[in-house]
PDB file of all heavy atoms in Angstrom:
ATOM      1  N   ALA A   1      45.275 -81.904 -28.106  1.00  0.00           N
ATOM      2  CA  ALA A   1      45.848 -82.440 -29.344  1.00  0.00           C
ATOM      3  C   ALA A   1      46.734 -81.352 -29.927  1.00  0.00           C
ATOM      4  O   ALA A   1      46.407 -80.158 -29.836  1.00  0.00           O
ATOM      5  CB  ALA A   1      44.758 -82.838 -30.330  1.00  0.00           C
ATOM      6  N   ALA A   2      47.845 -81.750 -30.538  1.00  0.00           N
ATOM      7  CA  ALA A   2      48.790 -80.780 -31.084  1.00  0.00           C
ATOM      8  C   ALA A   2      48.467 -80.421 -32.525  1.00  0.00           C
ATOM      9  O   ALA A   2      49.333 -79.962 -33.265  1.00  0.00           O
ATOM     10  CB  ALA A   2      50.211 -81.321 -30.972  1.00  0.00           C
ATOM     11  N   PHE A   3      47.236 -80.655 -32.942  1.00  0.00           N
ATOM     12  CA  PHE A   3      46.775 -80.314 -34.276  1.00  0.00           C
ATOM     13  C   PHE A   3      45.400 -79.684 -34.150  1.00  0.00           C
ATOM     14  O   PHE A   3      44.942 -79.395 -33.033  1.00  0.00           O
ATOM     15  CB  PHE A   3      46.759 -81.553 -35.186  1.00  0.00           C
ATOM     16  CG  PHE A   3      46.038 -82.743 -34.604  1.00  0.00           C
ATOM     17  CD1 PHE A   3      44.689 -82.947 -34.835  1.00  0.00           C
ATOM     18  CD2 PHE A   3      46.720 -83.680 -33.826  1.00  0.00           C
ATOM     19  CE1 PHE A   3      44.020 -84.041 -34.310  1.00  0.00           C
ATOM     20  CE2 PHE A   3      46.067 -84.788 -33.295  1.00  0.00           C
ATOM     21  CZ  PHE A   3      44.717 -84.962 -33.536  1.00  0.00           C
ATOM     22  N   ALA A   4      44.742 -79.424 -35.271  1.00  0.00           N
ATOM     23  CA  ALA A   4      43.442 -78.758 -35.271  1.00  0.00           C
ATOM     24  C   ALA A   4      42.375 -79.672 -35.846  1.00  0.00           C
ATOM     25  O   ALA A   4      42.672 -80.610 -36.597  1.00  0.00           O
ATOM     26  CB  ALA A   4      43.518 -77.455 -36.065  1.00  0.00           C
ATOM     27  N   ARG A   5      41.150 -79.371 -35.491  1.00  0.00           N
ATOM     28  CA  ARG A   5      40.007 -80.070 -36.069  1.00  0.00           C
ATOM     29  C   ARG A   5      38.938 -79.064 -36.468  1.00  0.00           C
ATOM     30  O   ARG A   5      38.676 -78.100 -35.735  1.00  0.00           O
ATOM     31  CB  ARG A   5      39.416 -81.079 -35.079  1.00  0.00           C
ATOM     32  CG  ARG A   5      40.231 -82.362 -34.994  1.00  0.00           C
ATOM     33  CD  ARG A   5      39.790 -83.283 -33.894  1.00  0.00           C
ATOM     34  NE  ARG A   5      40.411 -84.603 -34.071  1.00  0.00           N
ATOM     35  CZ  ARG A   5      40.504 -85.529 -33.122  1.00  0.00           C
ATOM     36  NH1 ARG A   5      40.017 -85.292 -31.916  1.00  0.00           N
ATOM     37  NH2 ARG A   5      41.083 -86.688 -33.372  1.00  0.00           N
ATOM     38  N   VAL A   6      38.340 -79.287 -37.632  1.00  0.00           N
ATOM     39  CA  VAL A   6      37.157 -78.538 -38.024  1.00  0.00           C
ATOM     40  C   VAL A   6      35.967 -79.452 -37.778  1.00  0.00           C
ATOM     41  O   VAL A   6      35.935 -80.591 -38.259  1.00  0.00           O
ATOM     42  CB  VAL A   6      37.216 -78.079 -39.491  1.00  0.00           C
ATOM     43  CG1 VAL A   6      35.908 -77.406 -39.892  1.00  0.00           C
ATOM     44  CG2 VAL A   6      38.385 -77.113 -39.686  1.00  0.00           C
ATOM     45  N   VAL A   7      35.014 -78.944 -37.008  1.00  0.00           N
ATOM     46  CA  VAL A   7      34.002 -79.790 -36.396  1.00  0.00           C
ATOM     47  C   VAL A   7      32.591 -79.354 -36.778  1.00  0.00           C
ATOM     48  O   VAL A   7      32.289 -78.164 -36.833  1.00  0.00           O
ATOM     49  CB  VAL A   7      34.143 -79.742 -34.853  1.00  0.00           C
ATOM     50  CG1 VAL A   7      33.192 -80.730 -34.191  1.00  0.00           C
ATOM     51  CG2 VAL A   7      35.582 -80.024 -34.425  1.00  0.00           C
ATOM     52  N   ASP A   8      31.743 -80.338 -37.037  1.00  0.00           N
ATOM     53  CA  ASP A   8      30.308 -80.109 -37.208  1.00  0.00           C
ATOM     54  C   ASP A   8      29.661 -80.261 -35.832  1.00  0.00           C
ATOM     55  O   ASP A   8      29.454 -81.365 -35.357  1.00  0.00           O
ATOM     56  CB  ASP A   8      29.735 -81.132 -38.189  1.00  0.00           C
ATOM     57  CG  ASP A   8      28.229 -80.978 -38.396  1.00  0.00           C
ATOM     58  OD1 ASP A   8      27.500 -80.626 -37.442  1.00  0.00           O
ATOM     59  OD2 ASP A   8      27.769 -81.239 -39.508  1.00  0.00           O
ATOM     60  N   CYS A   9      29.366 -79.123 -35.200  1.00  0.00           N
ATOM     61  CA  CYS A   9      28.754 -79.146 -33.871  1.00  0.00           C
ATOM     62  C   CYS A   9      27.243 -78.987 -33.926  1.00  0.00           C
ATOM     63  O   CYS A   9      26.563 -79.255 -32.936  1.00  0.00           O
ATOM     64  CB  CYS A   9      29.334 -78.032 -33.003  1.00  0.00           C
ATOM     65  SG  CYS A   9      31.107 -78.149 -32.733  1.00  0.00           S
ATOM     66  N   ASP A  10      26.715 -78.512 -35.050  1.00  0.00           N
ATOM     67  CA  ASP A  10      25.277 -78.234 -35.148  1.00  0.00           C
ATOM     68  C   ASP A  10      24.450 -79.494 -35.348  1.00  0.00           C
ATOM     69  O   ASP A  10      23.397 -79.665 -34.732  1.00  0.00           O
ATOM     70  CB  ASP A  10      25.005 -77.267 -36.301  1.00  0.00           C
ATOM     71  CG  ASP A  10      25.545 -75.877 -36.030  1.00  0.00           C
ATOM     72  OD1 ASP A  10      25.830 -75.572 -34.856  1.00  0.00           O
ATOM     73  OD2 ASP A  10      25.697 -75.100 -36.996  1.00  0.00           O
ATOM     74  N   ARG A  11      24.939 -80.400 -36.202  1.00  0.00           N
ATOM     75  CA  ARG A  11      24.140 -81.588 -36.548  1.00  0.00           C
ATOM     76  C   ARG A  11      24.531 -82.828 -35.775  1.00  0.00           C
ATOM     77  O   ARG A  11      23.716 -83.749 -35.629  1.00  0.00           O
ATOM     78  CB  ARG A  11      24.272 -81.883 -38.043  1.00  0.00           C
ATOM     79  CG  ARG A  11      23.735 -80.813 -38.970  1.00  0.00           C
ATOM     80  CD  ARG A  11      23.893 -81.240 -40.425  1.00  0.00           C
ATOM     81  NE  ARG A  11      25.297 -81.353 -40.801  1.00  0.00           N
ATOM     82  CZ  ARG A  11      25.733 -81.946 -41.909  1.00  0.00           C
ATOM     83  NH1 ARG A  11      24.853 -82.511 -42.734  1.00  0.00           N
ATOM     84  NH2 ARG A  11      27.021 -81.976 -42.207  1.00  0.00           N
ATOM     85  N   THR A  12      25.784 -82.892 -35.312  1.00  0.00           N
ATOM     86  CA  THR A  12      26.296 -84.150 -34.774  1.00  0.00           C
ATOM     87  C   THR A  12      26.928 -83.974 -33.396  1.00  0.00           C
ATOM     88  O   THR A  12      27.277 -82.877 -32.975  1.00  0.00           O
ATOM     89  CB  THR A  12      27.349 -84.766 -35.720  1.00  0.00           C
ATOM     90  OG1 THR A  12      28.457 -83.863 -35.857  1.00  0.00           O
ATOM     91  CG2 THR A  12      26.742 -85.044 -37.095  1.00  0.00           C
ATOM     92  N   ASP A  13      27.068 -85.093 -32.704  1.00  0.00           N
ATOM     93  CA  ASP A  13      27.692 -85.155 -31.384  1.00  0.00           C
ATOM     94  C   ASP A  13      28.556 -86.410 -31.358  1.00  0.00           C
ATOM     95  O   ASP A  13      28.574 -87.187 -32.329  1.00  0.00           O
ATOM     96  CB  ASP A  13      26.603 -85.214 -30.308  1.00  0.00           C
ATOM     97  CG  ASP A  13      27.114 -84.778 -28.935  1.00  0.00           C
ATOM     98  OD1 ASP A  13      28.350 -84.673 -28.763  1.00  0.00           O
ATOM     99  OD2 ASP A  13      26.286 -84.562 -28.034  1.00  0.00           O
ATOM    100  N   TYR A  14      29.285 -86.631 -30.273  1.00  0.00           N
ATOM    101  CA  TYR A  14      30.071 -87.863 -30.166  1.00  0.00           C
ATOM    102  C   TYR A  14      30.198 -88.266 -28.706  1.00  0.00           C
ATOM    103  O   TYR A  14      29.995 -87.452 -27.796  1.00  0.00           O
ATOM    104  CB  TYR A  14      31.444 -87.704 -30.819  1.00  0.00           C
ATOM    105  CG  TYR A  14      32.509 -87.048 -29.954  1.00  0.00           C
ATOM    106  CD1 TYR A  14      33.613 -87.772 -29.511  1.00  0.00           C
ATOM    107  CD2 TYR A  14      32.425 -85.707 -29.592  1.00  0.00           C
ATOM    108  CE1 TYR A  14      34.600 -87.177 -28.741  1.00  0.00           C
ATOM    109  CE2 TYR A  14      33.400 -85.108 -28.836  1.00  0.00           C
ATOM    110  CZ  TYR A  14      34.488 -85.842 -28.393  1.00  0.00           C
ATOM    111  OH  TYR A  14      35.456 -85.244 -27.625  1.00  0.00           O
ATOM    112  N   ARG A  15      30.511 -89.532 -28.483  1.00  0.00           N
ATOM    113  CA  ARG A  15      30.677 -90.061 -27.140  1.00  0.00           C
ATOM    114  C   ARG A  15      31.944 -90.910 -27.069  1.00  0.00           C
ATOM    115  O   ARG A  15      32.184 -91.759 -27.935  1.00  0.00           O
ATOM    116  CB  ARG A  15      29.473 -90.925 -26.748  1.00  0.00           C
ATOM    117  CG  ARG A  15      28.158 -90.162 -26.605  1.00  0.00           C
ATOM    118  CD  ARG A  15      28.161 -89.270 -25.373  1.00  0.00           C
ATOM    119  NE  ARG A  15      26.884 -88.582 -25.218  1.00  0.00           N
ATOM    120  CZ  ARG A  15      26.580 -87.407 -25.761  1.00  0.00           C
ATOM    121  NH1 ARG A  15      27.493 -86.782 -26.496  1.00  0.00           N
ATOM    122  NH2 ARG A  15      25.404 -86.851 -25.576  1.00  0.00           N
ATOM    123  N   THR A  16      32.739 -90.671 -26.064  1.00  0.00           N
ATOM    124  CA  THR A  16      33.913 -91.475 -25.767  1.00  0.00           C
ATOM    125  C   THR A  16      34.320 -91.167 -24.338  1.00  0.00           C
ATOM    126  O   THR A  16      33.985 -90.092 -23.816  1.00  0.00           O
ATOM    127  CB  THR A  16      35.083 -91.177 -26.724  1.00  0.00           C
ATOM    128  OG1 THR A  16      36.221 -91.953 -26.337  1.00  0.00           O
ATOM    129  CG2 THR A  16      35.463 -89.716 -26.691  1.00  0.00           C
ATOM    130  N   GLU A  17      35.046 -92.075 -23.705  1.00  0.00           N
ATOM    131  CA  GLU A  17      35.497 -91.832 -22.337  1.00  0.00           C
ATOM    132  C   GLU A  17      36.771 -90.990 -22.295  1.00  0.00           C
ATOM    133  O   GLU A  17      37.220 -90.608 -21.217  1.00  0.00           O
ATOM    134  CB  GLU A  17      35.717 -93.160 -21.602  1.00  0.00           C
ATOM    135  CG  GLU A  17      34.423 -93.864 -21.226  1.00  0.00           C
ATOM    136  CD  GLU A  17      34.622 -94.921 -20.153  1.00  0.00           C
ATOM    137  OE1 GLU A  17      35.774 -95.258 -19.854  1.00  0.00           O
ATOM    138  OE2 GLU A  17      33.607 -95.386 -19.608  1.00  0.00           O
ATOM    139  N   ARG A  18      37.368 -90.718 -23.453  1.00  0.00           N
ATOM    140  CA  ARG A  18      38.563 -89.869 -23.510  1.00  0.00           C
ATOM    141  C   ARG A  18      38.324 -88.716 -24.489  1.00  0.00           C
ATOM    142  O   ARG A  18      38.968 -88.649 -25.544  1.00  0.00           O
ATOM    143  CB  ARG A  18      39.794 -90.684 -23.913  1.00  0.00           C
ATOM    144  CG  ARG A  18      40.250 -91.659 -22.847  1.00  0.00           C
ATOM    145  CD  ARG A  18      41.598 -92.275 -23.205  1.00  0.00           C
ATOM    146  NE  ARG A  18      42.039 -93.208 -22.187  1.00  0.00           N
ATOM    147  CZ  ARG A  18      42.721 -92.880 -21.105  1.00  0.00           C
ATOM    148  NH1 ARG A  18      43.033 -91.634 -20.889  1.00  0.00           N
ATOM    149  NH2 ARG A  18      43.092 -93.792 -20.223  1.00  0.00           N
ATOM    150  N   PRO A  19      37.429 -87.790 -24.140  1.00  0.00           N
ATOM    151  CA  PRO A  19      37.158 -86.668 -25.052  1.00  0.00           C
ATOM    152  C   PRO A  19      38.403 -85.809 -25.254  1.00  0.00           C
ATOM    153  O   PRO A  19      39.160 -85.572 -24.317  1.00  0.00           O
ATOM    154  CB  PRO A  19      36.063 -85.877 -24.325  1.00  0.00           C
ATOM    155  CG  PRO A  19      35.529 -86.792 -23.279  1.00  0.00           C
ATOM    156  CD  PRO A  19      36.648 -87.685 -22.899  1.00  0.00           C
ATOM    157  N   TRP A  20      38.594 -85.329 -26.456  1.00  0.00           N
ATOM    158  CA  TRP A  20      39.777 -84.529 -26.748  1.00  0.00           C
ATOM    159  C   TRP A  20      39.591 -83.063 -26.357  1.00  0.00           C
ATOM    160  O   TRP A  20      40.546 -82.302 -26.309  1.00  0.00           O
ATOM    161  CB  TRP A  20      40.137 -84.639 -28.221  1.00  0.00           C
ATOM    162  CG  TRP A  20      39.098 -84.076 -29.146  1.00  0.00           C
ATOM    163  CD1 TRP A  20      37.888 -84.634 -29.457  1.00  0.00           C
ATOM    164  CD2 TRP A  20      39.165 -82.861 -29.864  1.00  0.00           C
ATOM    165  NE1 TRP A  20      37.199 -83.828 -30.321  1.00  0.00           N
ATOM    166  CE2 TRP A  20      37.962 -82.733 -30.600  1.00  0.00           C
ATOM    167  CE3 TRP A  20      40.130 -81.861 -29.985  1.00  0.00           C
ATOM    168  CZ2 TRP A  20      37.687 -81.648 -31.419  1.00  0.00           C
ATOM    169  CZ3 TRP A  20      39.866 -80.774 -30.812  1.00  0.00           C
ATOM    170  CH2 TRP A  20      38.649 -80.674 -31.514  1.00  0.00           C
ATOM    171  N   THR A  21      38.353 -82.654 -26.059  1.00  0.00           N
ATOM    172  CA  THR A  21      38.063 -81.286 -25.649  1.00  0.00           C
ATOM    173  C   THR A  21      36.846 -81.291 -24.727  1.00  0.00           C
ATOM    174  O   THR A  21      36.014 -82.204 -24.771  1.00  0.00           O
ATOM    175  CB  THR A  21      37.772 -80.393 -26.866  1.00  0.00           C
ATOM    176  OG1 THR A  21      37.363 -79.096 -26.424  1.00  0.00           O
ATOM    177  CG2 THR A  21      36.659 -80.969 -27.725  1.00  0.00           C
ATOM    178  N   LYS A  22      36.736 -80.254 -23.899  1.00  0.00           N
ATOM    179  CA  LYS A  22      35.551 -80.087 -23.068  1.00  0.00           C
ATOM    180  C   LYS A  22      34.418 -79.437 -23.849  1.00  0.00           C
ATOM    181  O   LYS A  22      33.268 -79.456 -23.416  1.00  0.00           O
ATOM    182  CB  LYS A  22      35.879 -79.223 -21.843  1.00  0.00           C
ATOM    183  CG  LYS A  22      36.690 -79.943 -20.779  1.00  0.00           C
ATOM    184  CD  LYS A  22      36.918 -79.042 -19.567  1.00  0.00           C
ATOM    185  CE  LYS A  22      37.722 -79.785 -18.507  1.00  0.00           C
ATOM    186  NZ  LYS A  22      37.989 -78.916 -17.326  1.00  0.00           N
ATOM    187  N   GLN A  23      34.745 -78.808 -24.974  1.00  0.00           N
ATOM    188  CA  GLN A  23      33.729 -78.154 -25.776  1.00  0.00           C
ATOM    189  C   GLN A  23      32.769 -79.158 -26.397  1.00  0.00           C
ATOM    190  O   GLN A  23      33.107 -80.328 -26.600  1.00  0.00           O
ATOM    191  CB  GLN A  23      34.374 -77.345 -26.912  1.00  0.00           C
ATOM    192  CG  GLN A  23      35.046 -76.069 -26.483  1.00  0.00           C
ATOM    193  CD  GLN A  23      35.299 -75.161 -27.666  1.00  0.00           C
ATOM    194  OE1 GLN A  23      34.393 -74.928 -28.480  1.00  0.00           O
ATOM    195  NE2 GLN A  23      36.507 -74.644 -27.779  1.00  0.00           N
ATOM    196  N   THR A  24      31.589 -78.660 -26.741  1.00  0.00           N
ATOM    197  CA  THR A  24      30.679 -79.467 -27.535  1.00  0.00           C
ATOM    198  C   THR A  24      31.340 -79.760 -28.870  1.00  0.00           C
ATOM    199  O   THR A  24      31.891 -78.875 -29.514  1.00  0.00           O
ATOM    200  CB  THR A  24      29.356 -78.714 -27.773  1.00  0.00           C
ATOM    201  OG1 THR A  24      28.748 -78.453 -26.507  1.00  0.00           O
ATOM    202  CG2 THR A  24      28.416 -79.528 -28.643  1.00  0.00           C
ATOM    203  N   SER A  25      31.318 -81.006 -29.283  1.00  0.00           N
ATOM    204  CA  SER A  25      31.975 -81.392 -30.523  1.00  0.00           C
ATOM    205  C   SER A  25      31.094 -82.392 -31.258  1.00  0.00           C
ATOM    206  O   SER A  25      30.080 -82.844 -30.744  1.00  0.00           O
ATOM    207  CB  SER A  25      33.355 -81.993 -30.216  1.00  0.00           C
ATOM    208  OG  SER A  25      34.022 -82.359 -31.395  1.00  0.00           O
ATOM    209  N   GLY A  26      31.509 -82.714 -32.472  1.00  0.00           N
ATOM    210  CA  GLY A  26      30.781 -83.680 -33.272  1.00  0.00           C
ATOM    211  C   GLY A  26      31.725 -84.295 -34.281  1.00  0.00           C
ATOM    212  O   GLY A  26      32.909 -84.458 -34.006  1.00  0.00           O
ATOM    213  N   VAL A  27      31.226 -84.623 -35.450  1.00  0.00           N
ATOM    214  CA  VAL A  27      32.085 -85.177 -36.508  1.00  0.00           C
ATOM    215  C   VAL A  27      33.123 -84.132 -36.901  1.00  0.00           C
ATOM    216  O   VAL A  27      32.817 -82.946 -37.001  1.00  0.00           O
ATOM    217  CB  VAL A  27      31.241 -85.584 -37.732  1.00  0.00           C
ATOM    218  CG1 VAL A  27      32.141 -86.052 -38.878  1.00  0.00           C
ATOM    219  CG2 VAL A  27      30.252 -86.687 -37.345  1.00  0.00           C
ATOM    220  N   TRP A  28      34.351 -84.566 -37.134  1.00  0.00           N
ATOM    221  CA  TRP A  28      35.434 -83.647 -37.454  1.00  0.00           C
ATOM    222  C   TRP A  28      36.292 -84.171 -38.594  1.00  0.00           C
ATOM    223  O   TRP A  28      36.202 -85.333 -38.973  1.00  0.00           O
ATOM    224  CB  TRP A  28      36.329 -83.441 -36.227  1.00  0.00           C
ATOM    225  CG  TRP A  28      36.916 -84.714 -35.688  1.00  0.00           C
ATOM    226  CD1 TRP A  28      37.882 -85.501 -36.244  1.00  0.00           C
ATOM    227  CD2 TRP A  28      36.542 -85.370 -34.467  1.00  0.00           C
ATOM    228  NE1 TRP A  28      38.155 -86.590 -35.450  1.00  0.00           N
ATOM    229  CE2 TRP A  28      37.344 -86.542 -34.353  1.00  0.00           C
ATOM    230  CE3 TRP A  28      35.634 -85.075 -33.455  1.00  0.00           C
ATOM    231  CZ2 TRP A  28      37.254 -87.412 -33.271  1.00  0.00           C
ATOM    232  CZ3 TRP A  28      35.538 -85.945 -32.382  1.00  0.00           C
ATOM    233  CH2 TRP A  28      36.337 -87.089 -32.293  1.00  0.00           C
ATOM    234  N   ILE A  29      37.130 -83.280 -39.130  1.00  0.00           N
ATOM    235  CA  ILE A  29      38.262 -83.703 -39.949  1.00  0.00           C
ATOM    236  C   ILE A  29      39.520 -83.175 -39.269  1.00  0.00           C
ATOM    237  O   ILE A  29      39.492 -82.136 -38.609  1.00  0.00           O
ATOM    238  CB  ILE A  29      38.183 -83.228 -41.414  1.00  0.00           C
ATOM    239  CG1 ILE A  29      38.393 -81.715 -41.536  1.00  0.00           C
ATOM    240  CG2 ILE A  29      36.870 -83.641 -42.048  1.00  0.00           C
ATOM    241  CD1 ILE A  29      38.589 -81.244 -42.969  1.00  0.00           C
ATOM    242  N   ASP A  30      40.618 -83.922 -39.384  1.00  0.00           N
ATOM    243  CA  ASP A  30      41.878 -83.574 -38.742  1.00  0.00           C
ATOM    244  C   ASP A  30      42.744 -82.742 -39.671  1.00  0.00           C
ATOM    245  O   ASP A  30      42.856 -83.041 -40.870  1.00  0.00           O
ATOM    246  CB  ASP A  30      42.650 -84.825 -38.348  1.00  0.00           C
ATOM    247  CG  ASP A  30      41.960 -85.614 -37.245  1.00  0.00           C
ATOM    248  OD1 ASP A  30      41.317 -84.984 -36.386  1.00  0.00           O
ATOM    249  OD2 ASP A  30      42.064 -86.860 -37.246  1.00  0.00           O
ATOM    250  N   ILE A  31      43.396 -81.716 -39.099  1.00  0.00           N
ATOM    251  CA  ILE A  31      44.321 -80.870 -39.856  1.00  0.00           C
ATOM    252  C   ILE A  31      45.666 -80.898 -39.136  1.00  0.00           C
ATOM    253  O   ILE A  31      45.807 -80.362 -38.031  1.00  0.00           O
ATOM    254  CB  ILE A  31      43.802 -79.434 -39.970  1.00  0.00           C
ATOM    255  CG1 ILE A  31      42.399 -79.431 -40.597  1.00  0.00           C
ATOM    256  CG2 ILE A  31      44.762 -78.580 -40.789  1.00  0.00           C
ATOM    257  CD1 ILE A  31      41.753 -78.076 -40.663  1.00  0.00           C
ATOM    258  N   PHE A  32      46.662 -81.530 -39.765  1.00  0.00           N
ATOM    259  CA  PHE A  32      47.966 -81.721 -39.146  1.00  0.00           C
ATOM    260  C   PHE A  32      48.972 -80.725 -39.713  1.00  0.00           C
ATOM    261  O   PHE A  32      49.131 -80.615 -40.934  1.00  0.00           O
ATOM    262  CB  PHE A  32      48.475 -83.140 -39.404  1.00  0.00           C
ATOM    263  CG  PHE A  32      47.572 -84.216 -38.878  1.00  0.00           C
ATOM    264  CD1 PHE A  32      46.910 -85.075 -39.748  1.00  0.00           C
ATOM    265  CD2 PHE A  32      47.385 -84.382 -37.525  1.00  0.00           C
ATOM    266  CE1 PHE A  32      46.085 -86.083 -39.273  1.00  0.00           C
ATOM    267  CE2 PHE A  32      46.568 -85.386 -37.026  1.00  0.00           C
ATOM    268  CZ  PHE A  32      45.904 -86.243 -37.899  1.00  0.00           C
ATOM    269  N   PRO A  33      49.698 -80.007 -38.845  1.00  0.00           N
ATOM    270  CA  PRO A  33      50.754 -79.114 -39.333  1.00  0.00           C
ATOM    271  C   PRO A  33      52.008 -79.896 -39.707  1.00  0.00           C
ATOM    272  O   PRO A  33      52.301 -80.949 -39.126  1.00  0.00           O
ATOM    273  CB  PRO A  33      51.014 -78.206 -38.133  1.00  0.00           C
ATOM    274  CG  PRO A  33      50.684 -79.059 -36.946  1.00  0.00           C
ATOM    275  CD  PRO A  33      49.542 -79.944 -37.384  1.00  0.00           C
ATOM    276  N   LEU A  34      52.754 -79.370 -40.662  1.00  0.00           N
ATOM    277  CA  LEU A  34      54.026 -79.952 -41.089  1.00  0.00           C
ATOM    278  C   LEU A  34      55.150 -79.009 -40.682  1.00  0.00           C
ATOM    279  O   LEU A  34      55.073 -77.811 -40.933  1.00  0.00           O
ATOM    280  CB  LEU A  34      54.042 -80.148 -42.607  1.00  0.00           C
ATOM    281  CG  LEU A  34      52.902 -80.990 -43.189  1.00  0.00           C
ATOM    282  CD1 LEU A  34      52.992 -81.004 -44.705  1.00  0.00           C
ATOM    283  CD2 LEU A  34      52.928 -82.408 -42.632  1.00  0.00           C
ATOM    284  N   ASP A  35      56.200 -79.572 -40.054  1.00  0.00           N
ATOM    285  CA  ASP A  35      57.280 -78.760 -39.527  1.00  0.00           C
ATOM    286  C   ASP A  35      58.623 -79.183 -40.108  1.00  0.00           C
ATOM    287  O   ASP A  35      58.795 -80.304 -40.596  1.00  0.00           O
ATOM    288  CB  ASP A  35      57.315 -78.854 -38.009  1.00  0.00           C
ATOM    289  CG  ASP A  35      56.122 -78.164 -37.376  1.00  0.00           C
ATOM    290  OD1 ASP A  35      56.026 -76.927 -37.482  1.00  0.00           O
ATOM    291  OD2 ASP A  35      55.263 -78.853 -36.784  1.00  0.00           O
ATOM    292  N   GLY A  36      59.595 -78.274 -40.015  1.00  0.00           N
ATOM    293  CA  GLY A  36      60.903 -78.491 -40.600  1.00  0.00           C
ATOM    294  C   GLY A  36      61.715 -79.572 -39.906  1.00  0.00           C
ATOM    295  O   GLY A  36      61.627 -79.763 -38.688  1.00  0.00           O
ATOM    296  N   VAL A  37      62.533 -80.272 -40.704  1.00  0.00           N
ATOM    297  CA  VAL A  37      63.430 -81.326 -40.224  1.00  0.00           C
ATOM    298  C   VAL A  37      64.786 -81.111 -40.890  1.00  0.00           C
ATOM    299  O   VAL A  37      64.853 -80.831 -42.089  1.00  0.00           O
ATOM    300  CB  VAL A  37      62.876 -82.726 -40.570  1.00  0.00           C
ATOM    301  CG1 VAL A  37      63.895 -83.803 -40.249  1.00  0.00           C
ATOM    302  CG2 VAL A  37      61.562 -82.990 -39.832  1.00  0.00           C
ATOM    303  N   VAL A  38      65.876 -81.271 -40.144  1.00  0.00           N
ATOM    304  CA  VAL A  38      67.200 -81.019 -40.716  1.00  0.00           C
ATOM    305  C   VAL A  38      67.979 -82.296 -41.034  1.00  0.00           C
ATOM    306  O   VAL A  38      68.801 -82.310 -41.939  1.00  0.00           O
ATOM    307  CB  VAL A  38      68.047 -80.124 -39.786  1.00  0.00           C
ATOM    308  CG1 VAL A  38      67.411 -78.749 -39.665  1.00  0.00           C
ATOM    309  CG2 VAL A  38      68.233 -80.752 -38.407  1.00  0.00           C
ATOM    310  N   SER A  39      67.736 -83.368 -40.279  1.00  0.00           N
ATOM    311  CA  SER A  39      68.449 -84.626 -40.534  1.00  0.00           C
ATOM    312  C   SER A  39      67.676 -85.771 -39.900  1.00  0.00           C
ATOM    313  O   SER A  39      66.865 -85.567 -38.982  1.00  0.00           O
ATOM    314  CB  SER A  39      69.868 -84.596 -39.955  1.00  0.00           C
ATOM    315  OG  SER A  39      69.836 -84.638 -38.536  1.00  0.00           O
TER     316      SER A  39
END
């Protein structure tokens, strides 16, 4: 993913067939960067 996530790995887990990372993960919030645009 081209953004970041802050993840609760201690209390929670998740399941999907398209995991976004190989790391142990759980509930997250998404953090999206904002970049410059000229036109």
